[in-house]
């Protein structure tokens, strides 16, 4: 068995070279970054969440995938949304950046979102969200390694014959989502990359696969205390994501006792996610750690994620408008 240091070096080597080797087939295969605290990044999860808190809301998120291997996958996200009475719905702005392989491949996105909100009955409401995105991918060619660059004795010292026609891509992208909710139940569906934009760096079509997301959950009170600090609530939730051949299923629950939130999740044959959070009036903070259960456990050190949310005060609720009751992490 290889020593731990050598295994880390090997994984780092694979992370960098796999990007270069993908061009051997004239295509670059990729999937979108995923957040373990998906409700802490509601606009990224589903554009129908825009304005769901009614008052102005700011969300900031940071995820470090495989922190034991520096510079592998680091993702940042920030968003703003609020309900606008005159538009009968919510508006939002979502910014995100994903850096892979010591920023060898960087994806930056800026999205504008509108979500129409409709009260169907006294107990049930729906929200339909639409998202327009400007997406830019940039490639640092100096950090790419190809198979024909390897000298048997000296390593990566030869020139490559691979041709990269462009080092950056800018393209529009579109998404849509639907959200249904009552007092204690909620469910949603989102479809991202509806037009499957081309993200090839070598002039050959490489469409970004559509990402389909389904999520559902419930808020179940476990106590009858009227004081928020004494209230105990459990929220079982499920998340399913499919993007081409990639599928992800998250099963777990949140447990809330006053301002303290805990969570435990299982992500299909990949990780157990533990979460601790704090929520009080206008501020909510969360930290989660993905405990890898595959053979990569010792080498990668899992993944860690930090979220911060601010909900600002605003005018009293308008008649017939219902805010969604769901977890914030």
C-alpha atoms as a PDB file:
ATOM      1  CA  UNK A   1       0.000   0.000   0.000  1.00  0.00           C
ATOM      2  CA  UNK A   2       1.292   3.489  -0.899  1.00  0.00           C
ATOM      3  CA  UNK A   3       2.202   5.849   1.966  1.00  0.00           C
ATOM      4  CA  UNK A   4      -0.377   8.534   2.685  1.00  0.00           C
ATOM      5  CA  UNK A   5       1.834  11.330   1.311  1.00  0.00           C
ATOM      6  CA  UNK A   6       2.295   9.488  -1.971  1.00  0.00           C
ATOM      7  CA  UNK A   7      -1.452   8.843  -2.238  1.00  0.00           C
ATOM      8  CA  UNK A   8      -2.123  12.582  -1.787  1.00  0.00           C
ATOM      9  CA  UNK A   9       0.433  13.428  -4.448  1.00  0.00           C
ATOM     10  CA  UNK A  10      -1.112  10.905  -6.814  1.00  0.00           C
ATOM     11  CA  UNK A  11      -4.607  12.321  -6.307  1.00  0.00           C
ATOM     12  CA  UNK A  12      -3.334  15.847  -6.907  1.00  0.00           C
ATOM     13  CA  UNK A  13      -1.614  14.678 -10.098  1.00  0.00           C
ATOM     14  CA  UNK A  14      -4.843  13.084 -11.307  1.00  0.00           C
ATOM     15  CA  UNK A  15      -6.834  16.242 -10.569  1.00  0.00           C
ATOM     16  CA  UNK A  16      -4.527  18.372 -12.749  1.00  0.00           C
ATOM     17  CA  UNK A  17      -3.896  15.933 -15.596  1.00  0.00           C
ATOM     18  CA  UNK A  18      -7.472  14.726 -16.036  1.00  0.00           C
ATOM     19  CA  UNK A  19      -8.382  18.156 -17.403  1.00  0.00           C
ATOM     20  CA  UNK A  20      -5.688  17.875 -20.015  1.00  0.00           C
ATOM     21  CA  UNK A  21      -6.458  14.283 -20.913  1.00  0.00           C
ATOM     22  CA  UNK A  22     -10.108  15.178 -21.484  1.00  0.00           C
ATOM     23  CA  UNK A  23      -9.015  17.082 -24.584  1.00  0.00           C
ATOM     24  CA  UNK A  24      -7.690  13.870 -26.130  1.00  0.00           C
ATOM     25  CA  UNK A  25     -11.324  13.144 -27.024  1.00  0.00           C
ATOM     26  CA  UNK A  26     -11.827  16.796 -28.063  1.00  0.00           C
ATOM     27  CA  UNK A  27     -14.300  17.217 -25.211  1.00  0.00           C
ATOM     28  CA  UNK A  28     -14.174  18.470 -21.662  1.00  0.00           C
ATOM     29  CA  UNK A  29     -16.598  16.667 -19.373  1.00  0.00           C
ATOM     30  CA  UNK A  30     -17.861  18.479 -16.285  1.00  0.00           C
ATOM     31  CA  UNK A  31     -20.678  18.693 -13.778  1.00  0.00           C
ATOM     32  CA  UNK A  32     -21.940  21.554 -11.655  1.00  0.00           C
ATOM     33  CA  UNK A  33     -20.635  22.026  -8.112  1.00  0.00           C
ATOM     34  CA  UNK A  34     -22.987  20.841  -5.369  1.00  0.00           C
ATOM     35  CA  UNK A  35     -23.528  22.335  -1.907  1.00  0.00           C
ATOM     36  CA  UNK A  36     -24.173  20.141   1.129  1.00  0.00           C
ATOM     37  CA  UNK A  37     -26.060  23.017   2.785  1.00  0.00           C
ATOM     38  CA  UNK A  38     -28.396  23.371  -0.177  1.00  0.00           C
ATOM     39  CA  UNK A  39     -31.113  25.325   1.675  1.00  0.00           C
ATOM     40  CA  UNK A  40     -28.455  27.841   2.775  1.00  0.00           C
ATOM     41  CA  UNK A  41     -28.025  28.642  -0.930  1.00  0.00           C
ATOM     42  CA  UNK A  42     -31.691  28.701  -1.992  1.00  0.00           C
ATOM     43  CA  UNK A  43     -31.346  30.507  -5.337  1.00  0.00           C
ATOM     44  CA  UNK A  44     -28.657  28.057  -6.458  1.00  0.00           C
ATOM     45  CA  UNK A  45     -30.911  25.151  -5.505  1.00  0.00           C
ATOM     46  CA  UNK A  46     -34.045  26.455  -7.209  1.00  0.00           C
ATOM     47  CA  UNK A  47     -34.778  29.884  -8.755  1.00  0.00           C
ATOM     48  CA  UNK A  48     -38.346  29.615  -7.453  1.00  0.00           C
ATOM     49  CA  UNK A  49     -36.971  30.453  -3.975  1.00  0.00           C
ATOM     50  CA  UNK A  50     -36.417  34.104  -5.026  1.00  0.00           C
ATOM     51  CA  UNK A  51     -38.384  36.285  -2.611  1.00  0.00           C
ATOM     52  CA  UNK A  52     -39.488  33.323  -0.483  1.00  0.00           C
ATOM     53  CA  UNK A  53     -38.339  35.053   2.717  1.00  0.00           C
ATOM     54  CA  UNK A  54     -40.313  38.157   1.601  1.00  0.00           C
ATOM     55  CA  UNK A  55     -37.843  40.567   3.253  1.00  0.00           C
ATOM     56  CA  UNK A  56     -34.417  41.303   1.692  1.00  0.00           C
ATOM     57  CA  UNK A  57     -32.050  38.365   2.110  1.00  0.00           C
ATOM     58  CA  UNK A  58     -28.304  37.986   1.519  1.00  0.00           C
ATOM     59  CA  UNK A  59     -26.665  34.534   1.374  1.00  0.00           C
ATOM     60  CA  UNK A  60     -22.935  33.807   1.223  1.00  0.00           C
ATOM     61  CA  UNK A  61     -21.474  30.335   0.805  1.00  0.00           C
ATOM     62  CA  UNK A  62     -18.025  28.756   0.667  1.00  0.00           C
ATOM     63  CA  UNK A  63     -17.166  25.118  -0.081  1.00  0.00           C
ATOM     64  CA  UNK A  64     -13.732  23.467  -0.045  1.00  0.00           C
ATOM     65  CA  UNK A  65     -13.777  20.004  -1.608  1.00  0.00           C
ATOM     66  CA  UNK A  66     -10.986  17.633  -0.532  1.00  0.00           C
ATOM     67  CA  UNK A  67      -9.106  20.168   1.696  1.00  0.00           C
ATOM     68  CA  UNK A  68      -6.214  17.720   2.258  1.00  0.00           C
ATOM     69  CA  UNK A  69      -5.259  18.282  -1.396  1.00  0.00           C
ATOM     70  CA  UNK A  70      -4.672  22.055  -1.811  1.00  0.00           C
ATOM     71  CA  UNK A  71      -6.322  23.745  -4.770  1.00  0.00           C
ATOM     72  CA  UNK A  72      -8.659  20.967  -5.886  1.00  0.00           C
ATOM     73  CA  UNK A  73     -12.267  22.239  -5.938  1.00  0.00           C
ATOM     74  CA  UNK A  74     -13.181  25.532  -4.238  1.00  0.00           C
ATOM     75  CA  UNK A  75     -16.580  27.174  -4.763  1.00  0.00           C
ATOM     76  CA  UNK A  76     -17.880  30.601  -3.741  1.00  0.00           C
ATOM     77  CA  UNK A  77     -21.435  31.884  -3.972  1.00  0.00           C
ATOM     78  CA  UNK A  78     -23.314  35.048  -2.994  1.00  0.00           C
ATOM     79  CA  UNK A  79     -26.923  36.028  -3.603  1.00  0.00           C
ATOM     80  CA  UNK A  80     -29.511  38.695  -2.869  1.00  0.00           C
ATOM     81  CA  UNK A  81     -33.301  38.366  -3.154  1.00  0.00           C
ATOM     82  CA  UNK A  82     -36.502  39.944  -1.917  1.00  0.00           C
ATOM     83  CA  UNK A  83     -40.240  40.045  -2.594  1.00  0.00           C
ATOM     84  CA  UNK A  84     -41.561  42.957  -4.678  1.00  0.00           C
ATOM     85  CA  UNK A  85     -45.276  43.640  -4.233  1.00  0.00           C
ATOM     86  CA  UNK A  86     -45.666  45.368  -7.584  1.00  0.00           C
ATOM     87  CA  UNK A  87     -44.241  42.353  -9.448  1.00  0.00           C
ATOM     88  CA  UNK A  88     -46.335  39.769  -7.592  1.00  0.00           C
ATOM     89  CA  UNK A  89     -43.172  37.850  -6.857  1.00  0.00           C
ATOM     90  CA  UNK A  90     -39.525  37.882  -5.947  1.00  0.00           C
ATOM     91  CA  UNK A  91     -36.378  39.072  -7.695  1.00  0.00           C
ATOM     92  CA  UNK A  92     -32.870  37.857  -7.089  1.00  0.00           C
ATOM     93  CA  UNK A  93     -29.219  38.141  -8.069  1.00  0.00           C
ATOM     94  CA  UNK A  94     -26.884  35.127  -7.835  1.00  0.00           C
ATOM     95  CA  UNK A  95     -23.103  35.227  -8.263  1.00  0.00           C
ATOM     96  CA  UNK A  96     -20.897  32.139  -8.130  1.00  0.00           C
ATOM     97  CA  UNK A  97     -17.374  31.039  -8.963  1.00  0.00           C
ATOM     98  CA  UNK A  98     -15.907  27.537  -9.036  1.00  0.00           C
ATOM     99  CA  UNK A  99     -12.152  26.902  -9.208  1.00  0.00           C
ATOM    100  CA  UNK A 100     -10.858  23.440 -10.101  1.00  0.00           C
ATOM    101  CA  UNK A 101      -7.282  22.179 -10.055  1.00  0.00           C
ATOM    102  CA  UNK A 102      -5.456  25.194  -8.580  1.00  0.00           C
ATOM    103  CA  UNK A 103      -7.749  27.429 -10.653  1.00  0.00           C
ATOM    104  CA  UNK A 104      -6.785  25.598 -13.850  1.00  0.00           C
ATOM    105  CA  UNK A 105     -10.467  25.729 -14.818  1.00  0.00           C
ATOM    106  CA  UNK A 106     -12.529  28.626 -13.445  1.00  0.00           C
ATOM    107  CA  UNK A 107     -16.261  28.994 -13.970  1.00  0.00           C
ATOM    108  CA  UNK A 108     -17.903  32.322 -13.118  1.00  0.00           C
ATOM    109  CA  UNK A 109     -21.661  32.907 -13.300  1.00  0.00           C
ATOM    110  CA  UNK A 110     -23.938  35.918 -12.787  1.00  0.00           C
ATOM    111  CA  UNK A 111     -27.712  35.320 -12.768  1.00  0.00           C
ATOM    112  CA  UNK A 112     -30.844  37.444 -12.661  1.00  0.00           C
ATOM    113  CA  UNK A 113     -33.930  35.702 -11.282  1.00  0.00           C
ATOM    114  CA  UNK A 114     -37.658  36.370 -11.155  1.00  0.00           C
ATOM    115  CA  UNK A 115     -40.129  34.134  -9.318  1.00  0.00           C
ATOM    116  CA  UNK A 116     -43.890  34.593  -9.692  1.00  0.00           C
ATOM    117  CA  UNK A 117     -45.729  33.707  -6.477  1.00  0.00           C
ATOM    118  CA  UNK A 118     -49.354  32.612  -6.389  1.00  0.00           C
ATOM    119  CA  UNK A 119     -51.597  31.800  -3.431  1.00  0.00           C
ATOM    120  CA  UNK A 120     -53.667  28.826  -4.589  1.00  0.00           C
ATOM    121  CA  UNK A 121     -55.708  28.399  -1.408  1.00  0.00           C
ATOM    122  CA  UNK A 122     -55.682  29.355   2.245  1.00  0.00           C
ATOM    123  CA  UNK A 123     -53.175  26.586   2.924  1.00  0.00           C
ATOM    124  CA  UNK A 124     -51.156  26.155  -0.275  1.00  0.00           C
ATOM    125  CA  UNK A 125     -48.980  28.429  -2.463  1.00  0.00           C
ATOM    126  CA  UNK A 126     -46.762  27.947  -5.492  1.00  0.00           C
ATOM    127  CA  UNK A 127     -43.819  29.844  -6.935  1.00  0.00           C
ATOM    128  CA  UNK A 128     -42.475  29.598 -10.487  1.00  0.00           C
ATOM    129  CA  UNK A 129     -38.926  30.866 -11.037  1.00  0.00           C
ATOM    130  CA  UNK A 130     -37.036  31.852 -14.180  1.00  0.00           C
ATOM    131  CA  UNK A 131     -33.288  32.469 -14.320  1.00  0.00           C
ATOM    132  CA  UNK A 132     -31.059  34.072 -16.963  1.00  0.00           C
ATOM    133  CA  UNK A 133     -27.318  33.551 -16.503  1.00  0.00           C
ATOM    134  CA  UNK A 134     -24.143  34.910 -18.019  1.00  0.00           C
ATOM    135  CA  UNK A 135     -21.560  32.117 -17.728  1.00  0.00           C
ATOM    136  CA  UNK A 136     -17.847  32.407 -18.373  1.00  0.00           C
ATOM    137  CA  UNK A 137     -15.331  29.553 -18.283  1.00  0.00           C
ATOM    138  CA  UNK A 138     -11.601  30.255 -18.413  1.00  0.00           C
ATOM    139  CA  UNK A 139      -8.733  27.815 -18.816  1.00  0.00           C
ATOM    140  CA  UNK A 140      -5.145  28.353 -17.663  1.00  0.00           C
ATOM    141  CA  UNK A 141      -3.324  26.460 -20.406  1.00  0.00           C
ATOM    142  CA  UNK A 142      -0.002  26.675 -18.580  1.00  0.00           C
ATOM    143  CA  UNK A 143      -1.320  24.324 -15.898  1.00  0.00           C
ATOM    144  CA  UNK A 144      -2.477  21.598 -18.293  1.00  0.00           C
ATOM    145  CA  UNK A 145      -0.545  18.333 -18.713  1.00  0.00           C
ATOM    146  CA  UNK A 146      -1.005  16.007 -21.699  1.00  0.00           C
ATOM    147  CA  UNK A 147       0.228  12.483 -22.274  1.00  0.00           C
ATOM    148  CA  UNK A 148       2.553  13.456 -25.130  1.00  0.00           C
ATOM    149  CA  UNK A 149       4.426  15.866 -22.817  1.00  0.00           C
ATOM    150  CA  UNK A 150       5.916  13.040 -20.736  1.00  0.00           C
ATOM    151  CA  UNK A 151       9.556  12.102 -21.145  1.00  0.00           C
ATOM    152  CA  UNK A 152      10.182   8.603 -19.664  1.00  0.00           C
ATOM    153  CA  UNK A 153      13.128   9.879 -17.608  1.00  0.00           C
ATOM    154  CA  UNK A 154      12.527  13.600 -17.052  1.00  0.00           C
ATOM    155  CA  UNK A 155       8.734  13.815 -16.704  1.00  0.00           C
ATOM    156  CA  UNK A 156       6.612  16.638 -18.196  1.00  0.00           C
ATOM    157  CA  UNK A 157       9.247  18.435 -20.293  1.00  0.00           C
ATOM    158  CA  UNK A 158       8.101  17.947 -23.922  1.00  0.00           C
ATOM    159  CA  UNK A 159       5.890  20.213 -26.017  1.00  0.00           C
ATOM    160  CA  UNK A 160       2.342  19.027 -26.656  1.00  0.00           C
ATOM    161  CA  UNK A 161       0.708  18.625 -30.048  1.00  0.00           C
ATOM    162  CA  UNK A 162      -2.752  19.228 -28.602  1.00  0.00           C
ATOM    163  CA  UNK A 163      -4.433  22.347 -29.949  1.00  0.00           C
ATOM    164  CA  UNK A 164      -6.697  24.497 -27.767  1.00  0.00           C
ATOM    165  CA  UNK A 165      -8.559  26.980 -29.953  1.00  0.00           C
ATOM    166  CA  UNK A 166      -9.697  29.258 -27.132  1.00  0.00           C
ATOM    167  CA  UNK A 167      -8.930  29.688 -23.443  1.00  0.00           C
ATOM    168  CA  UNK A 168     -12.213  31.296 -22.396  1.00  0.00           C
ATOM    169  CA  UNK A 169     -15.894  30.812 -23.148  1.00  0.00           C
ATOM    170  CA  UNK A 170     -18.751  33.249 -22.541  1.00  0.00           C
ATOM    171  CA  UNK A 171     -22.306  32.104 -23.083  1.00  0.00           C
ATOM    172  CA  UNK A 172     -25.861  32.728 -21.879  1.00  0.00           C
ATOM    173  CA  UNK A 173     -27.612  30.055 -19.873  1.00  0.00           C
ATOM    174  CA  UNK A 174     -31.196  29.607 -18.656  1.00  0.00           C
ATOM    175  CA  UNK A 175     -32.916  27.767 -15.810  1.00  0.00           C
ATOM    176  CA  UNK A 176     -36.408  27.358 -14.384  1.00  0.00           C
ATOM    177  CA  UNK A 177     -37.942  25.992 -11.214  1.00  0.00           C
ATOM    178  CA  UNK A 178     -41.215  25.313  -9.442  1.00  0.00           C
ATOM    179  CA  UNK A 179     -41.906  25.371  -5.712  1.00  0.00           C
ATOM    180  CA  UNK A 180     -45.018  24.300  -3.811  1.00  0.00           C
ATOM    181  CA  UNK A 181     -45.516  24.799  -0.086  1.00  0.00           C
ATOM    182  CA  UNK A 182     -48.006  24.853   2.751  1.00  0.00           C
ATOM    183  CA  UNK A 183     -47.483  25.629   6.427  1.00  0.00           C
ATOM    184  CA  UNK A 184     -45.315  22.585   7.178  1.00  0.00           C
ATOM    185  CA  UNK A 185     -44.728  20.849   3.824  1.00  0.00           C
ATOM    186  CA  UNK A 186     -42.660  21.939   0.810  1.00  0.00           C
ATOM    187  CA  UNK A 187     -41.414  20.430  -2.445  1.00  0.00           C
ATOM    188  CA  UNK A 188     -39.723  21.721  -5.571  1.00  0.00           C
ATOM    189  CA  UNK A 189     -38.250  20.913  -8.956  1.00  0.00           C
ATOM    190  CA  UNK A 190     -35.620  22.784 -10.975  1.00  0.00           C
ATOM    191  CA  UNK A 191     -34.065  22.364 -14.420  1.00  0.00           C
ATOM    192  CA  UNK A 192     -30.735  24.092 -15.103  1.00  0.00           C
ATOM    193  CA  UNK A 193     -28.927  24.583 -18.450  1.00  0.00           C
ATOM    194  CA  UNK A 194     -32.151  24.361 -20.458  1.00  0.00           C
ATOM    195  CA  UNK A 195     -30.346  25.249 -23.684  1.00  0.00           C
ATOM    196  CA  UNK A 196     -27.296  23.084 -22.869  1.00  0.00           C
ATOM    197  CA  UNK A 197     -24.713  25.714 -23.928  1.00  0.00           C
ATOM    198  CA  UNK A 198     -21.505  24.667 -25.655  1.00  0.00           C
ATOM    199  CA  UNK A 199     -18.496  24.740 -23.302  1.00  0.00           C
ATOM    200  CA  UNK A 200     -15.822  23.308 -25.608  1.00  0.00           C
ATOM    201  CA  UNK A 201     -12.331  24.832 -25.682  1.00  0.00           C
ATOM    202  CA  UNK A 202     -11.280  22.981 -28.847  1.00  0.00           C
ATOM    203  CA  UNK A 203     -13.925  23.995 -31.349  1.00  0.00           C
ATOM    204  CA  UNK A 204     -15.903  20.748 -31.164  1.00  0.00           C
ATOM    205  CA  UNK A 205     -19.391  20.801 -29.666  1.00  0.00           C
ATOM    206  CA  UNK A 206     -19.446  19.864 -25.977  1.00  0.00           C
ATOM    207  CA  UNK A 207     -22.877  20.774 -24.557  1.00  0.00           C
ATOM    208  CA  UNK A 208     -23.212  21.325 -20.823  1.00  0.00           C
ATOM    209  CA  UNK A 209     -25.673  18.613 -19.692  1.00  0.00           C
ATOM    210  CA  UNK A 210     -28.984  19.694 -18.218  1.00  0.00           C
ATOM    211  CA  UNK A 211     -29.141  19.370 -14.435  1.00  0.00           C
ATOM    212  CA  UNK A 212     -32.422  18.200 -12.908  1.00  0.00           C
ATOM    213  CA  UNK A 213     -33.094  18.713  -9.198  1.00  0.00           C
ATOM    214  CA  UNK A 214     -35.995  17.525  -7.038  1.00  0.00           C
ATOM    215  CA  UNK A 215     -36.312  18.283  -3.323  1.00  0.00           C
ATOM    216  CA  UNK A 216     -38.944  17.890  -0.643  1.00  0.00           C
ATOM    217  CA  UNK A 217     -39.304  18.101   3.102  1.00  0.00           C
ATOM    218  CA  UNK A 218     -41.455  18.884   6.100  1.00  0.00           C
ATOM    219  CA  UNK A 219     -41.274  20.904   9.312  1.00  0.00           C
ATOM    220  CA  UNK A 220     -42.615  18.828  12.224  1.00  0.00           C
ATOM    221  CA  UNK A 221     -42.937  20.434  15.683  1.00  0.00           C
ATOM    222  CA  UNK A 222     -41.917  18.128  18.524  1.00  0.00           C
ATOM    223  CA  UNK A 223     -43.019  20.429  21.347  1.00  0.00           C
ATOM    224  CA  UNK A 224     -45.886  22.756  22.143  1.00  0.00           C
ATOM    225  CA  UNK A 225     -43.813  25.627  23.504  1.00  0.00           C
ATOM    226  CA  UNK A 226     -44.823  29.063  22.294  1.00  0.00           C
ATOM    227  CA  UNK A 227     -41.394  30.543  22.990  1.00  0.00           C
ATOM    228  CA  UNK A 228     -39.114  30.262  19.967  1.00  0.00           C
ATOM    229  CA  UNK A 229     -36.136  29.506  22.233  1.00  0.00           C
ATOM    230  CA  UNK A 230     -37.912  26.433  23.618  1.00  0.00           C
ATOM    231  CA  UNK A 231     -39.459  25.155  20.393  1.00  0.00           C
ATOM    232  CA  UNK A 232     -38.111  21.825  19.096  1.00  0.00           C
ATOM    233  CA  UNK A 233     -38.624  20.985  15.403  1.00  0.00           C
ATOM    234  CA  UNK A 234     -37.445  18.175  13.155  1.00  0.00           C
ATOM    235  CA  UNK A 235     -37.290  18.454   9.387  1.00  0.00           C
ATOM    236  CA  UNK A 236     -36.796  15.282   7.317  1.00  0.00           C
ATOM    237  CA  UNK A 237     -35.675  16.135   3.773  1.00  0.00           C
ATOM    238  CA  UNK A 238     -34.714  14.482   0.513  1.00  0.00           C
ATOM    239  CA  UNK A 239     -32.717  15.856  -2.423  1.00  0.00           C
ATOM    240  CA  UNK A 240     -32.212  14.179  -5.796  1.00  0.00           C
ATOM    241  CA  UNK A 241     -29.932  15.530  -8.533  1.00  0.00           C
ATOM    242  CA  UNK A 242     -29.300  14.120 -12.001  1.00  0.00           C
ATOM    243  CA  UNK A 243     -26.885  15.536 -14.570  1.00  0.00           C
ATOM    244  CA  UNK A 244     -26.271  13.216 -17.512  1.00  0.00           C
ATOM    245  CA  UNK A 245     -24.796  10.023 -15.964  1.00  0.00           C
ATOM    246  CA  UNK A 246     -24.236  11.627 -12.549  1.00  0.00           C
ATOM    247  CA  UNK A 247     -26.906  11.042  -9.891  1.00  0.00           C
ATOM    248  CA  UNK A 248     -26.989  12.184  -6.289  1.00  0.00           C
ATOM    249  CA  UNK A 249     -29.432  11.294  -3.522  1.00  0.00           C
ATOM    250  CA  UNK A 250     -29.315  13.017  -0.136  1.00  0.00           C
ATOM    251  CA  UNK A 251     -31.395  11.626   2.729  1.00  0.00           C
ATOM    252  CA  UNK A 252     -31.377  13.161   6.178  1.00  0.00           C
ATOM    253  CA  UNK A 253     -32.906  15.540   8.652  1.00  0.00           C
ATOM    254  CA  UNK A 254     -32.467  18.799  10.537  1.00  0.00           C
ATOM    255  CA  UNK A 255     -33.150  19.086  14.272  1.00  0.00           C
ATOM    256  CA  UNK A 256     -33.820  22.585  15.612  1.00  0.00           C
ATOM    257  CA  UNK A 257     -33.915  23.582  19.288  1.00  0.00           C
ATOM    258  CA  UNK A 258     -34.373  27.319  19.654  1.00  0.00           C
ATOM    259  CA  UNK A 259     -31.426  29.027  17.913  1.00  0.00           C
ATOM    260  CA  UNK A 260     -29.349  25.828  17.559  1.00  0.00           C
ATOM    261  CA  UNK A 261     -29.639  23.646  14.454  1.00  0.00           C
ATOM    262  CA  UNK A 262     -28.067  20.240  13.878  1.00  0.00           C
ATOM    263  CA  UNK A 263     -28.255  18.026  10.830  1.00  0.00           C
ATOM    264  CA  UNK A 264     -27.199  14.594   9.630  1.00  0.00           C
ATOM    265  CA  UNK A 265     -27.303  13.410   6.016  1.00  0.00           C
ATOM    266  CA  UNK A 266     -26.305  10.439   3.931  1.00  0.00           C
ATOM    267  CA  UNK A 267     -25.241  11.071   0.324  1.00  0.00           C
ATOM    268  CA  UNK A 268     -25.459   7.955  -1.815  1.00  0.00           C
ATOM    269  CA  UNK A 269     -22.394   5.760  -1.196  1.00  0.00           C
ATOM    270  CA  UNK A 270     -20.166   8.832  -0.956  1.00  0.00           C
ATOM    271  CA  UNK A 271     -20.381  10.711   2.333  1.00  0.00           C
ATOM    272  CA  UNK A 272     -22.087  11.321   5.646  1.00  0.00           C
ATOM    273  CA  UNK A 273     -22.729  15.023   6.189  1.00  0.00           C
ATOM    274  CA  UNK A 274     -22.768  16.511   9.688  1.00  0.00           C
ATOM    275  CA  UNK A 275     -24.020  20.065  10.235  1.00  0.00           C
ATOM    276  CA  UNK A 276     -24.168  22.555  13.091  1.00  0.00           C
ATOM    277  CA  UNK A 277     -25.864  25.930  12.742  1.00  0.00           C
ATOM    278  CA  UNK A 278     -27.074  28.983  14.620  1.00  0.00           C
ATOM    279  CA  UNK A 279     -30.097  31.116  13.758  1.00  0.00           C
ATOM    280  CA  UNK A 280     -31.302  34.172  15.619  1.00  0.00           C
ATOM    281  CA  UNK A 281     -33.616  36.829  14.189  1.00  0.00           C
ATOM    282  CA  UNK A 282     -31.820  38.259  11.154  1.00  0.00           C
ATOM    283  CA  UNK A 283     -28.607  36.199  11.089  1.00  0.00           C
ATOM    284  CA  UNK A 284     -27.987  32.520  10.374  1.00  0.00           C
ATOM    285  CA  UNK A 285     -24.633  30.741  10.278  1.00  0.00           C
ATOM    286  CA  UNK A 286     -23.825  27.142   9.452  1.00  0.00           C
ATOM    287  CA  UNK A 287     -20.843  24.800   9.194  1.00  0.00           C
ATOM    288  CA  UNK A 288     -20.957  21.344   7.655  1.00  0.00           C
ATOM    289  CA  UNK A 289     -18.389  18.626   7.094  1.00  0.00           C
ATOM    290  CA  UNK A 290     -18.645  15.812   4.562  1.00  0.00           C
ATOM    291  CA  UNK A 291     -17.199  12.627   6.034  1.00  0.00           C
ATOM    292  CA  UNK A 292     -16.104  10.613   3.010  1.00  0.00           C
ATOM    293  CA  UNK A 293     -17.029   6.932   3.298  1.00  0.00           C
ATOM    294  CA  UNK A 294     -15.346   5.777   0.070  1.00  0.00           C
ATOM    295  CA  UNK A 295     -11.750   4.557  -0.305  1.00  0.00           C
ATOM    296  CA  UNK A 296     -10.566   8.171  -0.684  1.00  0.00           C
ATOM    297  CA  UNK A 297     -11.299   8.965   2.992  1.00  0.00           C
ATOM    298  CA  UNK A 298      -7.755   9.276   4.319  1.00  0.00           C
ATOM    299  CA  UNK A 299      -6.338  11.145   1.334  1.00  0.00           C
ATOM    300  CA  UNK A 300      -9.026  13.803   0.770  1.00  0.00           C
ATOM    301  CA  UNK A 301     -10.207  14.797   4.285  1.00  0.00           C
ATOM    302  CA  UNK A 302     -13.759  15.060   2.991  1.00  0.00           C
ATOM    303  CA  UNK A 303     -15.177  18.514   2.354  1.00  0.00           C
ATOM    304  CA  UNK A 304     -16.138  21.488   4.458  1.00  0.00           C
ATOM    305  CA  UNK A 305     -18.683  24.210   3.898  1.00  0.00           C
ATOM    306  CA  UNK A 306     -19.542  27.524   5.566  1.00  0.00           C
ATOM    307  CA  UNK A 307     -22.742  29.509   5.083  1.00  0.00           C
ATOM    308  CA  UNK A 308     -23.872  32.936   6.284  1.00  0.00           C
ATOM    309  CA  UNK A 309     -27.342  34.411   5.777  1.00  0.00           C
ATOM    310  CA  UNK A 310     -28.781  37.820   6.642  1.00  0.00           C
ATOM    311  CA  UNK A 311     -32.528  38.543   6.538  1.00  0.00           C
ATOM    312  CA  UNK A 312     -33.307  42.244   6.925  1.00  0.00           C
ATOM    313  CA  UNK A 313     -36.452  43.748   8.406  1.00  0.00           C
ATOM    314  CA  UNK A 314     -39.099  45.139   6.076  1.00  0.00           C
ATOM    315  CA  UNK A 315     -42.689  46.353   6.055  1.00  0.00           C
ATOM    316  CA  UNK A 316     -45.444  44.098   7.426  1.00  0.00           C
ATOM    317  CA  UNK A 317     -46.739  41.274   5.235  1.00  0.00           C
ATOM    318  CA  UNK A 318     -49.134  42.075   2.468  1.00  0.00           C
ATOM    319  CA  UNK A 319     -52.450  40.265   2.553  1.00  0.00           C
ATOM    320  CA  UNK A 320     -52.569  36.751   1.104  1.00  0.00           C
ATOM    321  CA  UNK A 321     -48.767  36.408   1.012  1.00  0.00           C
ATOM    322  CA  UNK A 322     -47.271  33.359   2.746  1.00  0.00           C
ATOM    323  CA  UNK A 323     -43.596  32.840   3.462  1.00  0.00           C
ATOM    324  CA  UNK A 324     -42.176  29.346   3.123  1.00  0.00           C
ATOM    325  CA  UNK A 325     -41.248  27.476   6.291  1.00  0.00           C
ATOM    326  CA  UNK A 326     -38.178  25.385   5.516  1.00  0.00           C
ATOM    327  CA  UNK A 327     -34.634  24.903   6.892  1.00  0.00           C
ATOM    328  CA  UNK A 328     -31.989  27.563   6.304  1.00  0.00           C
ATOM    329  CA  UNK A 329     -28.998  25.199   5.973  1.00  0.00           C
END
